[in-house]
mmCIF file of all heavy atoms, coordinates in Angstrom:
data_MODEL
# 
_entry.id   MODEL 
# 
loop_
_atom_site.group_PDB 
_atom_site.id 
_atom_site.type_symbol 
_atom_site.label_atom_id 
_atom_site.label_alt_id 
_atom_site.label_comp_id 
_atom_site.label_asym_id 
_atom_site.label_entity_id 
_atom_site.label_seq_id 
_atom_site.pdbx_PDB_ins_code 
_atom_site.Cartn_x 
_atom_site.Cartn_y 
_atom_site.Cartn_z 
_atom_site.occupancy 
_atom_site.B_iso_or_equiv 
_atom_site.pdbx_formal_charge 
_atom_site.auth_seq_id 
_atom_site.auth_comp_id 
_atom_site.auth_asym_id 
_atom_site.auth_atom_id 
_atom_site.pdbx_PDB_model_num 
ATOM 1   N N   . ILE A 1 1  ? 0.845  -1.193 0.003   1.00 0.00 ? 1  ILE A N   1 
ATOM 2   C CA  . ILE A 1 1  ? 0.003  0.001  0.004   1.00 0.00 ? 1  ILE A CA  1 
ATOM 3   C C   . ILE A 1 1  ? 0.871  1.235  0.002   1.00 0.00 ? 1  ILE A C   1 
ATOM 4   O O   . ILE A 1 1  ? 0.621  2.209  -0.702  1.00 0.00 ? 1  ILE A O   1 
ATOM 5   C CB  . ILE A 1 1  ? -0.947 -0.011 1.224   1.00 0.00 ? 1  ILE A CB  1 
ATOM 6   C CG1 . ILE A 1 1  ? -1.926 -1.191 1.103   1.00 0.00 ? 1  ILE A CG1 1 
ATOM 7   C CG2 . ILE A 1 1  ? -1.714 1.310  1.317   1.00 0.00 ? 1  ILE A CG2 1 
ATOM 8   C CD1 . ILE A 1 1  ? -2.817 -1.343 2.315   1.00 0.00 ? 1  ILE A CD1 1 
ATOM 9   N N   . THR A 1 2  ? 1.892  1.217  0.823   1.00 0.00 ? 2  THR A N   1 
ATOM 10  C CA  . THR A 1 2  ? 2.871  2.297  0.866   1.00 0.00 ? 2  THR A CA  1 
ATOM 11  C C   . THR A 1 2  ? 4.237  1.665  1.099   1.00 0.00 ? 2  THR A C   1 
ATOM 12  O O   . THR A 1 2  ? 4.323  0.462  1.345   1.00 0.00 ? 2  THR A O   1 
ATOM 13  C CB  . THR A 1 2  ? 2.547  3.316  1.981   1.00 0.00 ? 2  THR A CB  1 
ATOM 14  O OG1 . THR A 1 2  ? 3.445  4.413  1.904   1.00 0.00 ? 2  THR A OG1 1 
ATOM 15  C CG2 . THR A 1 2  ? 2.616  2.682  3.358   1.00 0.00 ? 2  THR A CG2 1 
ATOM 16  N N   . THR A 1 3  ? 5.282  2.431  1.015   1.00 0.00 ? 3  THR A N   1 
ATOM 17  C CA  . THR A 1 3  ? 6.621  1.881  1.198   1.00 0.00 ? 3  THR A CA  1 
ATOM 18  C C   . THR A 1 3  ? 6.737  1.287  2.591   1.00 0.00 ? 3  THR A C   1 
ATOM 19  O O   . THR A 1 3  ? 6.546  1.980  3.587   1.00 0.00 ? 3  THR A O   1 
ATOM 20  C CB  . THR A 1 3  ? 7.679  2.977  0.999   1.00 0.00 ? 3  THR A CB  1 
ATOM 21  O OG1 . THR A 1 3  ? 7.481  3.585  -0.282  1.00 0.00 ? 3  THR A OG1 1 
ATOM 22  C CG2 . THR A 1 3  ? 9.075  2.381  1.045   1.00 0.00 ? 3  THR A CG2 1 
ATOM 23  N N   . GLU A 1 4  ? 7.050  0.007  2.676   1.00 0.00 ? 4  GLU A N   1 
ATOM 24  C CA  . GLU A 1 4  ? 6.946  -0.719 3.930   1.00 0.00 ? 4  GLU A CA  1 
ATOM 25  C C   . GLU A 1 4  ? 8.210  -0.668 4.775   1.00 0.00 ? 4  GLU A C   1 
ATOM 26  O O   . GLU A 1 4  ? 8.189  -1.014 5.947   1.00 0.00 ? 4  GLU A O   1 
ATOM 27  C CB  . GLU A 1 4  ? 6.573  -2.179 3.647   1.00 0.00 ? 4  GLU A CB  1 
ATOM 28  C CG  . GLU A 1 4  ? 5.183  -2.329 3.040   1.00 0.00 ? 4  GLU A CG  1 
ATOM 29  C CD  . GLU A 1 4  ? 4.864  -3.756 2.638   1.00 0.00 ? 4  GLU A CD  1 
ATOM 30  O OE1 . GLU A 1 4  ? 5.801  -4.582 2.593   1.00 0.00 ? 4  GLU A OE1 1 
ATOM 31  O OE2 . GLU A 1 4  ? 3.687  -4.040 2.367   1.00 0.00 ? 4  GLU A OE2 1 
ATOM 32  N N   . GLY A 1 5  ? 9.313  -0.280 4.216   1.00 0.00 ? 5  GLY A N   1 
ATOM 33  C CA  . GLY A 1 5  ? 10.557 -0.225 4.968   1.00 0.00 ? 5  GLY A CA  1 
ATOM 34  C C   . GLY A 1 5  ? 11.629 0.447  4.151   1.00 0.00 ? 5  GLY A C   1 
ATOM 35  O O   . GLY A 1 5  ? 11.390 0.898  3.023   1.00 0.00 ? 5  GLY A O   1 
ATOM 36  N N   . GLY A 1 6  ? 12.813 0.491  4.718   1.00 0.00 ? 6  GLY A N   1 
ATOM 37  C CA  . GLY A 1 6  ? 13.908 1.118  4.006   1.00 0.00 ? 6  GLY A CA  1 
ATOM 38  C C   . GLY A 1 6  ? 14.493 0.206  2.941   1.00 0.00 ? 6  GLY A C   1 
ATOM 39  O O   . GLY A 1 6  ? 14.239 -1.001 2.896   1.00 0.00 ? 6  GLY A O   1 
ATOM 40  N N   . LEU A 1 7  ? 15.282 0.804  2.078   1.00 0.00 ? 7  LEU A N   1 
ATOM 41  C CA  . LEU A 1 7  ? 15.978 0.060  1.031   1.00 0.00 ? 7  LEU A CA  1 
ATOM 42  C C   . LEU A 1 7  ? 17.083 -0.792 1.677   1.00 0.00 ? 7  LEU A C   1 
ATOM 43  O O   . LEU A 1 7  ? 17.881 -0.285 2.467   1.00 0.00 ? 7  LEU A O   1 
ATOM 44  C CB  . LEU A 1 7  ? 16.588 1.048  0.040   1.00 0.00 ? 7  LEU A CB  1 
ATOM 45  C CG  . LEU A 1 7  ? 17.288 0.488  -1.195  1.00 0.00 ? 7  LEU A CG  1 
ATOM 46  C CD1 . LEU A 1 7  ? 16.298 -0.222 -2.096  1.00 0.00 ? 7  LEU A CD1 1 
ATOM 47  C CD2 . LEU A 1 7  ? 17.977 1.624  -1.961  1.00 0.00 ? 7  LEU A CD2 1 
ATOM 48  N N   . ASP A 1 8  ? 17.123 -2.073 1.330   1.00 0.00 ? 8  ASP A N   1 
ATOM 49  C CA  . ASP A 1 8  ? 18.133 -2.961 1.895   1.00 0.00 ? 8  ASP A CA  1 
ATOM 50  C C   . ASP A 1 8  ? 19.416 -2.855 1.061   1.00 0.00 ? 8  ASP A C   1 
ATOM 51  O O   . ASP A 1 8  ? 19.707 -3.697 0.216   1.00 0.00 ? 8  ASP A O   1 
ATOM 52  C CB  . ASP A 1 8  ? 17.631 -4.401 1.931   1.00 0.00 ? 8  ASP A CB  1 
ATOM 53  C CG  . ASP A 1 8  ? 18.529 -5.311 2.769   1.00 0.00 ? 8  ASP A CG  1 
ATOM 54  O OD1 . ASP A 1 8  ? 19.633 -4.873 3.136   1.00 0.00 ? 8  ASP A OD1 1 
ATOM 55  O OD2 . ASP A 1 8  ? 18.117 -6.448 3.048   1.00 0.00 ? 8  ASP A OD2 1 
ATOM 56  N N   . VAL A 1 9  ? 20.158 -1.809 1.319   1.00 0.00 ? 9  VAL A N   1 
ATOM 57  C CA  . VAL A 1 9  ? 21.394 -1.567 0.582   1.00 0.00 ? 9  VAL A CA  1 
ATOM 58  C C   . VAL A 1 9  ? 22.434 -2.616 0.936   1.00 0.00 ? 9  VAL A C   1 
ATOM 59  O O   . VAL A 1 9  ? 23.219 -3.053 0.089   1.00 0.00 ? 9  VAL A O   1 
ATOM 60  C CB  . VAL A 1 9  ? 21.934 -0.158 0.879   1.00 0.00 ? 9  VAL A CB  1 
ATOM 61  C CG1 . VAL A 1 9  ? 23.198 0.127  0.088   1.00 0.00 ? 9  VAL A CG1 1 
ATOM 62  C CG2 . VAL A 1 9  ? 20.872 0.887  0.565   1.00 0.00 ? 9  VAL A CG2 1 
ATOM 63  N N   . TYR A 1 10 ? 22.440 -3.041 2.177   1.00 0.00 ? 10 TYR A N   1 
ATOM 64  C CA  . TYR A 1 10 ? 23.414 -4.034 2.640   1.00 0.00 ? 10 TYR A CA  1 
ATOM 65  C C   . TYR A 1 10 ? 23.323 -5.320 1.828   1.00 0.00 ? 10 TYR A C   1 
ATOM 66  O O   . TYR A 1 10 ? 24.343 -5.905 1.431   1.00 0.00 ? 10 TYR A O   1 
ATOM 67  C CB  . TYR A 1 10 ? 23.190 -4.317 4.111   1.00 0.00 ? 10 TYR A CB  1 
ATOM 68  C CG  . TYR A 1 10 ? 24.125 -5.329 4.704   1.00 0.00 ? 10 TYR A CG  1 
ATOM 69  C CD1 . TYR A 1 10 ? 25.419 -4.978 5.086   1.00 0.00 ? 10 TYR A CD1 1 
ATOM 70  C CD2 . TYR A 1 10 ? 23.712 -6.649 4.903   1.00 0.00 ? 10 TYR A CD2 1 
ATOM 71  C CE1 . TYR A 1 10 ? 26.274 -5.912 5.639   1.00 0.00 ? 10 TYR A CE1 1 
ATOM 72  C CE2 . TYR A 1 10 ? 24.566 -7.583 5.448   1.00 0.00 ? 10 TYR A CE2 1 
ATOM 73  C CZ  . TYR A 1 10 ? 25.846 -7.216 5.810   1.00 0.00 ? 10 TYR A CZ  1 
ATOM 74  O OH  . TYR A 1 10 ? 26.693 -8.143 6.353   1.00 0.00 ? 10 TYR A OH  1 
ATOM 75  N N   . ALA A 1 11 ? 22.085 -5.787 1.538   1.00 0.00 ? 11 ALA A N   1 
ATOM 76  C CA  . ALA A 1 11 ? 21.893 -7.043 0.829   1.00 0.00 ? 11 ALA A CA  1 
ATOM 77  C C   . ALA A 1 11 ? 21.975 -6.897 -0.689  1.00 0.00 ? 11 ALA A C   1 
ATOM 78  O O   . ALA A 1 11 ? 22.227 -7.867 -1.389  1.00 0.00 ? 11 ALA A O   1 
ATOM 79  C CB  . ALA A 1 11 ? 20.551 -7.662 1.207   1.00 0.00 ? 11 ALA A CB  1 
ATOM 80  N N   . HIS A 1 12 ? 21.738 -5.681 -1.197  1.00 0.00 ? 12 HIS A N   1 
ATOM 81  C CA  . HIS A 1 12 ? 21.691 -5.465 -2.646  1.00 0.00 ? 12 HIS A CA  1 
ATOM 82  C C   . HIS A 1 12 ? 22.666 -4.374 -3.068  1.00 0.00 ? 12 HIS A C   1 
ATOM 83  O O   . HIS A 1 12 ? 22.359 -3.541 -3.911  1.00 0.00 ? 12 HIS A O   1 
ATOM 84  C CB  . HIS A 1 12 ? 20.264 -5.103 -3.073  1.00 0.00 ? 12 HIS A CB  1 
ATOM 85  C CG  . HIS A 1 12 ? 19.241 -6.125 -2.684  1.00 0.00 ? 12 HIS A CG  1 
ATOM 86  N ND1 . HIS A 1 12 ? 18.435 -5.984 -1.575  1.00 0.00 ? 12 HIS A ND1 1 
ATOM 87  C CD2 . HIS A 1 12 ? 18.902 -7.319 -3.243  1.00 0.00 ? 12 HIS A CD2 1 
ATOM 88  C CE1 . HIS A 1 12 ? 17.637 -7.032 -1.467  1.00 0.00 ? 12 HIS A CE1 1 
ATOM 89  N NE2 . HIS A 1 12 ? 17.904 -7.860 -2.471  1.00 0.00 ? 12 HIS A NE2 1 
ATOM 90  N N   . LYS A 1 13 ? 23.839 -4.408 -2.467  1.00 0.00 ? 13 LYS A N   1 
ATOM 91  C CA  . LYS A 1 13 ? 24.789 -3.323 -2.655  1.00 0.00 ? 13 LYS A CA  1 
ATOM 92  C C   . LYS A 1 13 ? 25.215 -3.151 -4.110  1.00 0.00 ? 13 LYS A C   1 
ATOM 93  O O   . LYS A 1 13 ? 25.350 -2.026 -4.600  1.00 0.00 ? 13 LYS A O   1 
ATOM 94  C CB  . LYS A 1 13 ? 26.018 -3.552 -1.777  1.00 0.00 ? 13 LYS A CB  1 
ATOM 95  C CG  . LYS A 1 13 ? 26.904 -2.342 -1.602  1.00 0.00 ? 13 LYS A CG  1 
ATOM 96  C CD  . LYS A 1 13 ? 28.082 -2.654 -0.696  1.00 0.00 ? 13 LYS A CD  1 
ATOM 97  C CE  . LYS A 1 13 ? 27.630 -3.103 0.671   1.00 0.00 ? 13 LYS A CE  1 
ATOM 98  N NZ  . LYS A 1 13 ? 28.781 -3.422 1.559   1.00 0.00 ? 13 LYS A NZ  1 
ATOM 99  N N   . ASP A 1 14 ? 25.401 -4.251 -4.819  1.00 0.00 ? 14 ASP A N   1 
ATOM 100 C CA  . ASP A 1 14 ? 25.901 -4.152 -6.194  1.00 0.00 ? 14 ASP A CA  1 
ATOM 101 C C   . ASP A 1 14 ? 24.897 -3.471 -7.111  1.00 0.00 ? 14 ASP A C   1 
ATOM 102 O O   . ASP A 1 14 ? 25.243 -2.598 -7.903  1.00 0.00 ? 14 ASP A O   1 
ATOM 103 C CB  . ASP A 1 14 ? 26.252 -5.540 -6.736  1.00 0.00 ? 14 ASP A CB  1 
ATOM 104 C CG  . ASP A 1 14 ? 27.503 -6.122 -6.089  1.00 0.00 ? 14 ASP A CG  1 
ATOM 105 O OD1 . ASP A 1 14 ? 28.276 -5.343 -5.494  1.00 0.00 ? 14 ASP A OD1 1 
ATOM 106 O OD2 . ASP A 1 14 ? 27.687 -7.345 -6.165  1.00 0.00 ? 14 ASP A OD2 1 
ATOM 107 N N   . SER A 1 15 ? 23.609 -3.866 -7.001  1.00 0.00 ? 15 SER A N   1 
ATOM 108 C CA  . SER A 1 15 ? 22.596 -3.261 -7.868  1.00 0.00 ? 15 SER A CA  1 
ATOM 109 C C   . SER A 1 15 ? 22.355 -1.808 -7.498  1.00 0.00 ? 15 SER A C   1 
ATOM 110 O O   . SER A 1 15 ? 22.163 -0.954 -8.388  1.00 0.00 ? 15 SER A O   1 
ATOM 111 C CB  . SER A 1 15 ? 21.283 -4.050 -7.793  1.00 0.00 ? 15 SER A CB  1 
ATOM 112 O OG  . SER A 1 15 ? 20.770 -4.071 -6.475  1.00 0.00 ? 15 SER A OG  1 
ATOM 113 N N   . VAL A 1 16 ? 22.371 -1.498 -6.212  1.00 0.00 ? 16 VAL A N   1 
ATOM 114 C CA  . VAL A 1 16 ? 22.192 -0.109 -5.798  1.00 0.00 ? 16 VAL A CA  1 
ATOM 115 C C   . VAL A 1 16 ? 23.397 0.719  -6.235  1.00 0.00 ? 16 VAL A C   1 
ATOM 116 O O   . VAL A 1 16 ? 23.263 1.875  -6.652  1.00 0.00 ? 16 VAL A O   1 
ATOM 117 C CB  . VAL A 1 16 ? 21.967 -0.010 -4.278  1.00 0.00 ? 16 VAL A CB  1 
ATOM 118 C CG1 . VAL A 1 16 ? 21.849 1.452  -3.857  1.00 0.00 ? 16 VAL A CG1 1 
ATOM 119 C CG2 . VAL A 1 16 ? 20.717 -0.772 -3.867  1.00 0.00 ? 16 VAL A CG2 1 
ATOM 120 N N   . ARG A 1 17 ? 24.593 0.127  -6.171  1.00 0.00 ? 17 ARG A N   1 
ATOM 121 C CA  . ARG A 1 17 ? 25.787 0.829  -6.592  1.00 0.00 ? 17 ARG A CA  1 
ATOM 122 C C   . ARG A 1 17 ? 25.680 1.266  -8.059  1.00 0.00 ? 17 ARG A C   1 
ATOM 123 O O   . ARG A 1 17 ? 26.088 2.373  -8.418  1.00 0.00 ? 17 ARG A O   1 
ATOM 124 C CB  . ARG A 1 17 ? 27.006 -0.063 -6.412  1.00 0.00 ? 17 ARG A CB  1 
ATOM 125 C CG  . ARG A 1 17 ? 28.349 0.651  -6.623  1.00 0.00 ? 17 ARG A CG  1 
ATOM 126 C CD  . ARG A 1 17 ? 29.492 -0.350 -6.727  1.00 0.00 ? 17 ARG A CD  1 
ATOM 127 N NE  . ARG A 1 17 ? 29.518 -1.255 -5.605  1.00 0.00 ? 17 ARG A NE  1 
ATOM 128 C CZ  . ARG A 1 17 ? 30.114 -0.996 -4.445  1.00 0.00 ? 17 ARG A CZ  1 
ATOM 129 N NH1 . ARG A 1 17 ? 30.714 0.162  -4.275  1.00 0.00 ? 17 ARG A NH1 1 
ATOM 130 N NH2 . ARG A 1 17 ? 30.098 -1.902 -3.459  1.00 0.00 ? 17 ARG A NH2 1 
ATOM 131 N N   . GLU A 1 18 ? 25.124 0.393  -8.897  1.00 0.00 ? 18 GLU A N   1 
ATOM 132 C CA  . GLU A 1 18 ? 24.953 0.724  -10.321 1.00 0.00 ? 18 GLU A CA  1 
ATOM 133 C C   . GLU A 1 18 ? 24.043 1.929  -10.493 1.00 0.00 ? 18 GLU A C   1 
ATOM 134 O O   . GLU A 1 18 ? 24.322 2.829  -11.298 1.00 0.00 ? 18 GLU A O   1 
ATOM 135 C CB  . GLU A 1 18 ? 24.393 -0.477 -11.076 1.00 0.00 ? 18 GLU A CB  1 
ATOM 136 C CG  . GLU A 1 18 ? 25.357 -1.647 -11.203 1.00 0.00 ? 18 GLU A CG  1 
ATOM 137 C CD  . GLU A 1 18 ? 24.755 -2.791 -11.969 1.00 0.00 ? 18 GLU A CD  1 
ATOM 138 O OE1 . GLU A 1 18 ? 23.661 -2.618 -12.552 1.00 0.00 ? 18 GLU A OE1 1 
ATOM 139 O OE2 . GLU A 1 18 ? 25.370 -3.880 -11.998 1.00 0.00 ? 18 GLU A OE2 1 
ATOM 140 N N   . ALA A 1 19 ? 22.934 1.938  -9.736  1.00 0.00 ? 19 ALA A N   1 
ATOM 141 C CA  . ALA A 1 19 ? 22.007 3.071  -9.829  1.00 0.00 ? 19 ALA A CA  1 
ATOM 142 C C   . ALA A 1 19 ? 22.653 4.354  -9.342  1.00 0.00 ? 19 ALA A C   1 
ATOM 143 O O   . ALA A 1 19 ? 22.516 5.422  -9.966  1.00 0.00 ? 19 ALA A O   1 
ATOM 144 C CB  . ALA A 1 19 ? 20.743 2.768  -9.037  1.00 0.00 ? 19 ALA A CB  1 
ATOM 145 N N   . VAL A 1 20 ? 23.358 4.281  -8.220  1.00 0.00 ? 20 VAL A N   1 
ATOM 146 C CA  . VAL A 1 20 ? 24.027 5.469  -7.667  1.00 0.00 ? 20 VAL A CA  1 
ATOM 147 C C   . VAL A 1 20 ? 25.046 6.005  -8.670  1.00 0.00 ? 20 VAL A C   1 
ATOM 148 O O   . VAL A 1 20 ? 25.129 7.225  -8.909  1.00 0.00 ? 20 VAL A O   1 
ATOM 149 C CB  . VAL A 1 20 ? 24.693 5.145  -6.322  1.00 0.00 ? 20 VAL A CB  1 
ATOM 150 C CG1 . VAL A 1 20 ? 25.583 6.310  -5.862  1.00 0.00 ? 20 VAL A CG1 1 
ATOM 151 C CG2 . VAL A 1 20 ? 23.644 4.832  -5.257  1.00 0.00 ? 20 VAL A CG2 1 
ATOM 152 N N   . ALA A 1 21 ? 25.816 5.107  -9.276  1.00 0.00 ? 21 ALA A N   1 
ATOM 153 C CA  . ALA A 1 21 ? 26.834 5.532  -10.249 1.00 0.00 ? 21 ALA A CA  1 
ATOM 154 C C   . ALA A 1 21 ? 26.193 6.202  -11.457 1.00 0.00 ? 21 ALA A C   1 
ATOM 155 O O   . ALA A 1 21 ? 26.695 7.234  -11.940 1.00 0.00 ? 21 ALA A O   1 
ATOM 156 C CB  . ALA A 1 21 ? 27.666 4.337  -10.691 1.00 0.00 ? 21 ALA A CB  1 
ATOM 157 N N   . ARG A 1 22 ? 25.086 5.646  -11.942 1.00 0.00 ? 22 ARG A N   1 
ATOM 158 C CA  . ARG A 1 22 ? 24.402 6.247  -13.105 1.00 0.00 ? 22 ARG A CA  1 
ATOM 159 C C   . ARG A 1 22 ? 23.894 7.647  -12.775 1.00 0.00 ? 22 ARG A C   1 
ATOM 160 O O   . ARG A 1 22 ? 24.027 8.579  -13.584 1.00 0.00 ? 22 ARG A O   1 
ATOM 161 C CB  . ARG A 1 22 ? 23.225 5.353  -13.535 1.00 0.00 ? 22 ARG A CB  1 
ATOM 162 C CG  . ARG A 1 22 ? 22.441 5.898  -14.716 1.00 0.00 ? 22 ARG A CG  1 
ATOM 163 C CD  . ARG A 1 22 ? 23.246 5.829  -15.988 1.00 0.00 ? 22 ARG A CD  1 
ATOM 164 N NE  . ARG A 1 22 ? 22.541 6.403  -17.113 1.00 0.00 ? 22 ARG A NE  1 
ATOM 165 C CZ  . ARG A 1 22 ? 22.673 7.659  -17.512 1.00 0.00 ? 22 ARG A CZ  1 
ATOM 166 N NH1 . ARG A 1 22 ? 23.469 8.499  -16.847 1.00 0.00 ? 22 ARG A NH1 1 
ATOM 167 N NH2 . ARG A 1 22 ? 22.010 8.117  -18.557 1.00 0.00 ? 22 ARG A NH2 1 
ATOM 168 N N   . LEU A 1 23 ? 23.332 7.815  -11.596 1.00 0.00 ? 23 LEU A N   1 
ATOM 169 C CA  . LEU A 1 23 ? 22.797 9.118  -11.199 1.00 0.00 ? 23 LEU A CA  1 
ATOM 170 C C   . LEU A 1 23 ? 23.925 10.110 -10.950 1.00 0.00 ? 23 LEU A C   1 
ATOM 171 O O   . LEU A 1 23 ? 23.846 11.280 -11.360 1.00 0.00 ? 23 LEU A O   1 
ATOM 172 C CB  . LEU A 1 23 ? 21.929 8.957  -9.951  1.00 0.00 ? 23 LEU A CB  1 
ATOM 173 C CG  . LEU A 1 23 ? 20.664 8.107  -10.161 1.00 0.00 ? 23 LEU A CG  1 
ATOM 174 C CD1 . LEU A 1 23 ? 20.049 7.719  -8.829  1.00 0.00 ? 23 LEU A CD1 1 
ATOM 175 C CD2 . LEU A 1 23 ? 19.647 8.829  -11.036 1.00 0.00 ? 23 LEU A CD2 1 
ATOM 176 N N   . HIS A 1 24 ? 24.982 9.671  -10.293 1.00 0.00 ? 24 HIS A N   1 
ATOM 177 C CA  . HIS A 1 24 ? 26.130 10.552 -10.049 1.00 0.00 ? 24 HIS A CA  1 
ATOM 178 C C   . HIS A 1 24 ? 26.801 10.966 -11.353 1.00 0.00 ? 24 HIS A C   1 
ATOM 179 O O   . HIS A 1 24 ? 27.246 12.114 -11.494 1.00 0.00 ? 24 HIS A O   1 
ATOM 180 C CB  . HIS A 1 24 ? 27.137 9.857  -9.135  1.00 0.00 ? 24 HIS A CB  1 
ATOM 181 C CG  . HIS A 1 24 ? 26.824 9.986  -7.683  1.00 0.00 ? 24 HIS A CG  1 
ATOM 182 N ND1 . HIS A 1 24 ? 27.467 9.255  -6.696  1.00 0.00 ? 24 HIS A ND1 1 
ATOM 183 C CD2 . HIS A 1 24 ? 25.930 10.774 -7.020  1.00 0.00 ? 24 HIS A CD2 1 
ATOM 184 C CE1 . HIS A 1 24 ? 26.993 9.596  -5.515  1.00 0.00 ? 24 HIS A CE1 1 
ATOM 185 N NE2 . HIS A 1 24 ? 26.065 10.500 -5.676  1.00 0.00 ? 24 HIS A NE2 1 
# 
């Protein structure tokens, strides 16, 4: 219904890293 929790960066660091790099 709404965002249920925070982004699990610890478990998905590689995929989040790609997004951060693209935005930066």
